[in-house]
Amino acid sequence: MGKQKSSYKTALDGLHHYLSGYLPLSRTEFQLLLPFIEIREYDKKAKITREGEVERYFNIIAKGLVRKYLPIRGGEQIIQLAVEGHIIHSELSFFYRTPSGSVVETIEPTVLLSISYESLEQMYSQFPKVERLGRLIVSDLFIKKDFRYFDQLRKSTRERFLDYIKTHSHMLQRVPQKYIASYLNIKPETFSRLKHLMRPKKG
């Protein structure tokens, strides 16, 4: 139990640091937010949000690995791979209170720091600073999503592969290859062929 409490404290400290990166938040101010934060734990391959459900939570990953995908044409298209410190939820469903078109599912056993929609609205009404913080985070998320979308359009398959390997090499040890290929919108067989680019060049 002591180890578990320690891991939760570490996760909450990480959340405080993350939020303060958008807007300075004192320890006292952060402590006022703790009653609104739920700690939720999931096993591997657990569905956090299902297609057709209304997303209830805004989640930050304290520990673990999560994917978000769109069920399409009898298959799936992964649109997000998220690890510790990342935000993951069905955004449109959460903010517009509509059925989710995506699925959020764990790849590893995962611990989430979650804020329900109702709690977030209550925080906004009680703490004006949090409302501003929320706007900054949401704006940043949409900007990053646009950047990724434009990158997908501008870059070739090879460039997308090399860029991801360069910036996310650690993910190759944690994420099944087929998931990374789906996220990069690359056919699994093409991904396998491109893996030779990772080998060190002989002198």
C-alpha atoms as a PDB file:
ATOM      1  CA  MET A   1       0.000   0.000   0.000  1.00  0.00           C
ATOM      2  CA  GLY A   2       2.887   2.369   0.828  1.00  0.00           C
ATOM      3  CA  LYS A   3       4.375   1.827  -2.620  1.00  0.00           C
ATOM      4  CA  GLN A   4       0.991   2.500  -4.226  1.00  0.00           C
ATOM      5  CA  LYS A   5       0.560   5.764  -2.306  1.00  0.00           C
ATOM      6  CA  SER A   6       4.057   6.786  -3.352  1.00  0.00           C
ATOM      7  CA  SER A   7       3.251   6.140  -7.021  1.00  0.00           C
ATOM      8  CA  TYR A   8       0.049   8.206  -6.740  1.00  0.00           C
ATOM      9  CA  LYS A   9       1.990  11.065  -5.145  1.00  0.00           C
ATOM     10  CA  THR A  10       4.508  10.920  -7.969  1.00  0.00           C
ATOM     11  CA  ALA A  11       1.668  10.985 -10.497  1.00  0.00           C
ATOM     12  CA  LEU A  12       0.011  13.966  -8.816  1.00  0.00           C
ATOM     13  CA  ASP A  13       3.347  15.791  -8.641  1.00  0.00           C
ATOM     14  CA  GLY A  14       3.703  15.146 -12.350  1.00  0.00           C
ATOM     15  CA  LEU A  15       0.231  16.537 -12.955  1.00  0.00           C
ATOM     16  CA  HIS A  16       1.057  19.670 -10.974  1.00  0.00           C
ATOM     17  CA  HIS A  17       4.215  20.147 -13.045  1.00  0.00           C
ATOM     18  CA  TYR A  18       2.285  19.553 -16.280  1.00  0.00           C
ATOM     19  CA  LEU A  19      -0.440  22.090 -15.469  1.00  0.00           C
ATOM     20  CA  SER A  20       2.103  24.663 -14.294  1.00  0.00           C
ATOM     21  CA  GLY A  21       3.727  24.431 -17.707  1.00  0.00           C
ATOM     22  CA  TYR A  22       0.658  26.199 -19.109  1.00  0.00           C
ATOM     23  CA  LEU A  23      -0.067  28.553 -16.211  1.00  0.00           C
ATOM     24  CA  PRO A  24       1.878  28.925 -12.912  1.00  0.00           C
ATOM     25  CA  LEU A  25      -0.033  27.047 -10.224  1.00  0.00           C
ATOM     26  CA  SER A  26       1.057  27.219  -6.599  1.00  0.00           C
ATOM     27  CA  ARG A  27       1.064  24.142  -4.393  1.00  0.00           C
ATOM     28  CA  THR A  28      -1.854  25.595  -2.430  1.00  0.00           C
ATOM     29  CA  GLU A  29      -3.872  26.224  -5.607  1.00  0.00           C
ATOM     30  CA  PHE A  30      -3.167  22.702  -6.815  1.00  0.00           C
ATOM     31  CA  GLN A  31      -4.252  21.217  -3.489  1.00  0.00           C
ATOM     32  CA  LEU A  32      -7.669  22.848  -3.960  1.00  0.00           C
ATOM     33  CA  LEU A  33      -8.112  20.849  -7.168  1.00  0.00           C
ATOM     34  CA  LEU A  34      -7.357  17.431  -5.685  1.00  0.00           C
ATOM     35  CA  PRO A  35     -10.948  16.663  -4.559  1.00  0.00           C
ATOM     36  CA  PHE A  36     -12.009  16.864  -8.226  1.00  0.00           C
ATOM     37  CA  ILE A  37      -9.400  14.362  -9.461  1.00  0.00           C
ATOM     38  CA  GLU A  38     -10.201  10.643  -9.619  1.00  0.00           C
ATOM     39  CA  ILE A  39      -7.545   7.925  -9.806  1.00  0.00           C
ATOM     40  CA  ARG A  40      -8.705   5.152 -12.128  1.00  0.00           C
ATOM     41  CA  GLU A  41      -6.849   1.898 -12.793  1.00  0.00           C
ATOM     42  CA  TYR A  42      -7.211  -0.434 -15.777  1.00  0.00           C
ATOM     43  CA  ASP A  43      -5.763  -3.777 -16.832  1.00  0.00           C
ATOM     44  CA  LYS A  44      -4.115  -4.382 -20.188  1.00  0.00           C
ATOM     45  CA  LYS A  45      -6.475  -4.252 -23.209  1.00  0.00           C
ATOM     46  CA  ALA A  46      -9.263  -2.618 -21.210  1.00  0.00           C
ATOM     47  CA  LYS A  47     -11.638  -0.272 -23.025  1.00  0.00           C
ATOM     48  CA  ILE A  48     -11.735   3.075 -21.220  1.00  0.00           C
ATOM     49  CA  THR A  49     -14.201   4.606 -23.682  1.00  0.00           C
ATOM     50  CA  ARG A  50     -16.282   2.614 -26.154  1.00  0.00           C
ATOM     51  CA  GLU A  51     -17.662   3.709 -29.493  1.00  0.00           C
ATOM     52  CA  GLY A  52     -21.125   5.213 -29.010  1.00  0.00           C
ATOM     53  CA  GLU A  53     -20.565   6.150 -25.360  1.00  0.00           C
ATOM     54  CA  VAL A  54     -20.481   9.765 -24.245  1.00  0.00           C
ATOM     55  CA  GLU A  55     -17.001  10.477 -22.907  1.00  0.00           C
ATOM     56  CA  ARG A  56     -17.253  11.285 -19.200  1.00  0.00           C
ATOM     57  CA  TYR A  57     -13.624  12.010 -18.362  1.00  0.00           C
ATOM     58  CA  PHE A  58     -10.663  14.187 -19.219  1.00  0.00           C
ATOM     59  CA  ASN A  59      -7.663  11.887 -18.560  1.00  0.00           C
ATOM     60  CA  ILE A  60      -3.956  12.313 -17.950  1.00  0.00           C
ATOM     61  CA  ILE A  61      -1.903   9.123 -17.939  1.00  0.00           C
ATOM     62  CA  ALA A  62      -0.035   8.651 -14.659  1.00  0.00           C
ATOM     63  CA  LYS A  63       1.301   5.247 -15.628  1.00  0.00           C
ATOM     64  CA  GLY A  64       0.864   3.046 -18.658  1.00  0.00           C
ATOM     65  CA  LEU A  65       0.191   3.167 -22.375  1.00  0.00           C
ATOM     66  CA  VAL A  66      -3.104   3.876 -24.148  1.00  0.00           C
ATOM     67  CA  ARG A  67      -4.278   4.013 -27.739  1.00  0.00           C
ATOM     68  CA  LYS A  68      -7.237   5.761 -29.347  1.00  0.00           C
ATOM     69  CA  TYR A  69      -8.622   4.424 -32.602  1.00  0.00           C
ATOM     70  CA  LEU A  70     -11.468   4.823 -35.059  1.00  0.00           C
ATOM     71  CA  PRO A  71     -13.333   1.649 -36.066  1.00  0.00           C
ATOM     72  CA  ILE A  72     -13.496   1.903 -39.878  1.00  0.00           C
ATOM     73  CA  ARG A  73     -14.403  -0.505 -42.670  1.00  0.00           C
ATOM     74  CA  GLY A  74     -14.239  -3.553 -40.451  1.00  0.00           C
ATOM     75  CA  GLY A  75     -10.791  -2.521 -39.175  1.00  0.00           C
ATOM     76  CA  GLU A  76      -9.362   0.334 -37.178  1.00  0.00           C
ATOM     77  CA  GLN A  77      -7.252   3.448 -37.614  1.00  0.00           C
ATOM     78  CA  ILE A  78      -5.153   4.504 -34.631  1.00  0.00           C
ATOM     79  CA  ILE A  79      -5.192   8.273 -34.117  1.00  0.00           C
ATOM     80  CA  GLN A  80      -3.276   8.529 -30.839  1.00  0.00           C
ATOM     81  CA  LEU A  81      -0.656   6.599 -28.877  1.00  0.00           C
ATOM     82  CA  ALA A  82      -0.235   8.065 -25.397  1.00  0.00           C
ATOM     83  CA  VAL A  83       2.148   7.386 -22.518  1.00  0.00           C
ATOM     84  CA  GLU A  84       2.842   8.875 -19.094  1.00  0.00           C
ATOM     85  CA  GLY A  85       2.098  12.595 -18.920  1.00  0.00           C
ATOM     86  CA  HIS A  86      -0.104  12.600 -22.026  1.00  0.00           C
ATOM     87  CA  ILE A  87      -3.764  13.579 -22.188  1.00  0.00           C
ATOM     88  CA  ILE A  88      -6.137  11.093 -23.772  1.00  0.00           C
ATOM     89  CA  HIS A  89      -9.915  11.058 -24.128  1.00  0.00           C
ATOM     90  CA  SER A  90     -12.527  11.290 -26.857  1.00  0.00           C
ATOM     91  CA  GLU A  91     -12.345  15.072 -27.187  1.00  0.00           C
ATOM     92  CA  LEU A  92     -15.381  15.851 -29.315  1.00  0.00           C
ATOM     93  CA  SER A  93     -17.566  13.537 -27.262  1.00  0.00           C
ATOM     94  CA  PHE A  94     -16.316  15.058 -24.009  1.00  0.00           C
ATOM     95  CA  PHE A  95     -16.752  18.707 -24.941  1.00  0.00           C
ATOM     96  CA  TYR A  96     -19.944  18.396 -27.021  1.00  0.00           C
ATOM     97  CA  ARG A  97     -21.567  15.600 -24.944  1.00  0.00           C
ATOM     98  CA  THR A  98     -22.165  13.453 -28.021  1.00  0.00           C
ATOM     99  CA  PRO A  99     -21.570   9.709 -28.606  1.00  0.00           C
ATOM    100  CA  SER A 100     -17.909   8.922 -29.170  1.00  0.00           C
ATOM    101  CA  GLY A 101     -16.830   7.889 -32.646  1.00  0.00           C
ATOM    102  CA  SER A 102     -13.530   6.580 -31.280  1.00  0.00           C
ATOM    103  CA  VAL A 103     -12.412   3.900 -28.834  1.00  0.00           C
ATOM    104  CA  VAL A 104      -9.890   4.500 -26.043  1.00  0.00           C
ATOM    105  CA  GLU A 105      -8.130   1.290 -24.973  1.00  0.00           C
ATOM    106  CA  THR A 106      -5.131   0.405 -22.816  1.00  0.00           C
ATOM    107  CA  ILE A 107      -2.088  -1.356 -24.264  1.00  0.00           C
ATOM    108  CA  GLU A 108      -0.430  -1.780 -20.857  1.00  0.00           C
ATOM    109  CA  PRO A 109      -1.874  -1.787 -17.320  1.00  0.00           C
ATOM    110  CA  THR A 110      -2.691   1.876 -16.832  1.00  0.00           C
ATOM    111  CA  VAL A 111      -3.394   4.417 -14.101  1.00  0.00           C
ATOM    112  CA  LEU A 112      -5.297   7.558 -15.066  1.00  0.00           C
ATOM    113  CA  LEU A 113      -5.770  10.869 -13.285  1.00  0.00           C
ATOM    114  CA  SER A 114      -9.273  11.779 -14.424  1.00  0.00           C
ATOM    115  CA  ILE A 115     -11.616  14.732 -14.117  1.00  0.00           C
ATOM    116  CA  SER A 116     -15.268  14.195 -14.999  1.00  0.00           C
ATOM    117  CA  TYR A 117     -17.133  16.675 -17.179  1.00  0.00           C
ATOM    118  CA  GLU A 118     -19.287  17.700 -14.213  1.00  0.00           C
ATOM    119  CA  SER A 119     -16.254  18.213 -11.987  1.00  0.00           C
ATOM    120  CA  LEU A 120     -14.530  20.274 -14.657  1.00  0.00           C
ATOM    121  CA  GLU A 121     -17.556  22.548 -14.974  1.00  0.00           C
ATOM    122  CA  GLN A 122     -17.605  22.941 -11.202  1.00  0.00           C
ATOM    123  CA  MET A 123     -13.893  23.782 -11.157  1.00  0.00           C
ATOM    124  CA  TYR A 124     -14.408  26.391 -13.852  1.00  0.00           C
ATOM    125  CA  SER A 125     -17.148  28.072 -11.831  1.00  0.00           C
ATOM    126  CA  GLN A 126     -15.189  28.017  -8.561  1.00  0.00           C
ATOM    127  CA  PHE A 127     -11.697  28.824  -9.873  1.00  0.00           C
ATOM    128  CA  PRO A 128     -11.468  31.360 -12.739  1.00  0.00           C
ATOM    129  CA  LYS A 129      -7.767  30.566 -13.089  1.00  0.00           C
ATOM    130  CA  VAL A 130      -8.634  26.948 -13.901  1.00  0.00           C
ATOM    131  CA  GLU A 131     -11.001  28.074 -16.659  1.00  0.00           C
ATOM    132  CA  ARG A 132      -8.133  30.000 -18.259  1.00  0.00           C
ATOM    133  CA  LEU A 133      -5.860  26.992 -17.761  1.00  0.00           C
ATOM    134  CA  GLY A 134      -8.420  24.775 -19.479  1.00  0.00           C
ATOM    135  CA  ARG A 135      -8.606  27.087 -22.494  1.00  0.00           C
ATOM    136  CA  LEU A 136      -4.805  27.059 -22.832  1.00  0.00           C
ATOM    137  CA  ILE A 137      -4.633  23.262 -22.702  1.00  0.00           C
ATOM    138  CA  VAL A 138      -7.469  22.742 -25.194  1.00  0.00           C
ATOM    139  CA  SER A 139      -5.957  25.283 -27.610  1.00  0.00           C
ATOM    140  CA  ASP A 140      -2.591  23.524 -27.391  1.00  0.00           C
ATOM    141  CA  LEU A 141      -4.181  20.124 -28.049  1.00  0.00           C
ATOM    142  CA  PHE A 142      -5.953  21.338 -31.176  1.00  0.00           C
ATOM    143  CA  ILE A 143      -2.818  23.061 -32.470  1.00  0.00           C
ATOM    144  CA  LYS A 144      -0.789  19.868 -32.031  1.00  0.00           C
ATOM    145  CA  LYS A 145      -3.508  17.868 -33.760  1.00  0.00           C
ATOM    146  CA  ASP A 146      -3.415  20.259 -36.734  1.00  0.00           C
ATOM    147  CA  PHE A 147       0.381  20.028 -36.950  1.00  0.00           C
ATOM    148  CA  ARG A 148       0.165  16.232 -37.042  1.00  0.00           C
ATOM    149  CA  TYR A 149      -2.563  16.323 -39.691  1.00  0.00           C
ATOM    150  CA  PHE A 150      -0.535  18.651 -41.918  1.00  0.00           C
ATOM    151  CA  ASP A 151       2.574  16.504 -41.430  1.00  0.00           C
ATOM    152  CA  GLN A 152       0.631  13.445 -42.574  1.00  0.00           C
ATOM    153  CA  LEU A 153      -0.329  15.295 -45.762  1.00  0.00           C
ATOM    154  CA  ARG A 154       3.047  16.870 -46.500  1.00  0.00           C
ATOM    155  CA  LYS A 155       5.441  14.038 -45.742  1.00  0.00           C
ATOM    156  CA  SER A 156       6.102  10.834 -47.611  1.00  0.00           C
ATOM    157  CA  THR A 157       5.721   7.408 -46.011  1.00  0.00           C
ATOM    158  CA  ARG A 158       9.493   7.197 -45.573  1.00  0.00           C
ATOM    159  CA  GLU A 159       9.662  10.655 -43.962  1.00  0.00           C
ATOM    160  CA  ARG A 160       6.836   9.867 -41.546  1.00  0.00           C
ATOM    161  CA  PHE A 161       8.567   6.651 -40.522  1.00  0.00           C
ATOM    162  CA  LEU A 162      11.988   8.253 -40.016  1.00  0.00           C
ATOM    163  CA  ASP A 163      10.579  11.235 -38.105  1.00  0.00           C
ATOM    164  CA  TYR A 164       8.682   8.978 -35.719  1.00  0.00           C
ATOM    165  CA  ILE A 165      11.655   6.683 -35.115  1.00  0.00           C
ATOM    166  CA  LYS A 166      13.863   9.706 -34.444  1.00  0.00           C
ATOM    167  CA  THR A 167      11.510  11.313 -31.917  1.00  0.00           C
ATOM    168  CA  HIS A 168       9.795   8.240 -30.413  1.00  0.00           C
ATOM    169  CA  SER A 169      12.368   5.455 -30.512  1.00  0.00           C
ATOM    170  CA  HIS A 170      11.337   4.383 -26.992  1.00  0.00           C
ATOM    171  CA  MET A 171       7.880   3.479 -28.295  1.00  0.00           C
ATOM    172  CA  LEU A 172       9.277   0.635 -30.398  1.00  0.00           C
ATOM    173  CA  GLN A 173       9.940  -1.310 -27.193  1.00  0.00           C
ATOM    174  CA  ARG A 174       6.432  -0.762 -25.818  1.00  0.00           C
ATOM    175  CA  VAL A 175       4.027  -0.631 -28.743  1.00  0.00           C
ATOM    176  CA  PRO A 176       3.226  -3.493 -31.150  1.00  0.00           C
ATOM    177  CA  GLN A 177       4.553  -2.733 -34.630  1.00  0.00           C
ATOM    178  CA  LYS A 178       1.091  -2.979 -36.205  1.00  0.00           C
ATOM    179  CA  TYR A 179      -0.157  -0.187 -33.915  1.00  0.00           C
ATOM    180  CA  ILE A 180       2.678   2.156 -34.861  1.00  0.00           C
ATOM    181  CA  ALA A 181       2.093   1.389 -38.551  1.00  0.00           C
ATOM    182  CA  SER A 182      -1.616   2.215 -38.151  1.00  0.00           C
ATOM    183  CA  TYR A 183      -0.825   5.446 -36.284  1.00  0.00           C
ATOM    184  CA  LEU A 184       1.547   6.522 -39.077  1.00  0.00           C
ATOM    185  CA  ASN A 185      -0.976   5.425 -41.718  1.00  0.00           C
ATOM    186  CA  ILE A 186       1.565   2.985 -43.161  1.00  0.00           C
ATOM    187  CA  LYS A 187       0.758  -0.543 -44.291  1.00  0.00           C
ATOM    188  CA  PRO A 188       2.292  -3.151 -41.926  1.00  0.00           C
ATOM    189  CA  GLU A 189       4.307  -4.736 -44.740  1.00  0.00           C
ATOM    190  CA  THR A 190       5.666  -1.319 -45.765  1.00  0.00           C
ATOM    191  CA  PHE A 191       6.576  -0.602 -42.136  1.00  0.00           C
ATOM    192  CA  SER A 192       8.508  -3.882 -41.997  1.00  0.00           C
ATOM    193  CA  ARG A 193      10.428  -2.987 -45.158  1.00  0.00           C
ATOM    194  CA  LEU A 194      11.295   0.452 -43.796  1.00  0.00           C
ATOM    195  CA  LYS A 195      12.764  -1.013 -40.607  1.00  0.00           C
ATOM    196  CA  HIS A 196      16.043  -1.597 -42.437  1.00  0.00           C
ATOM    197  CA  LEU A 197      16.541   2.193 -42.257  1.00  0.00           C
ATOM    198  CA  MET A 198      17.005   1.818 -38.491  1.00  0.00           C
ATOM    199  CA  ARG A 199      20.090  -0.364 -38.858  1.00  0.00           C
ATOM    200  CA  PRO A 200      23.415   1.428 -38.332  1.00  0.00           C
ATOM    201  CA  LYS A 201      25.277   2.084 -41.552  1.00  0.00           C
ATOM    202  CA  LYS A 202      28.489   0.149 -42.034  1.00  0.00           C
ATOM    203  CA  GLY A 203      31.603   2.237 -42.220  1.00  0.00           C
END
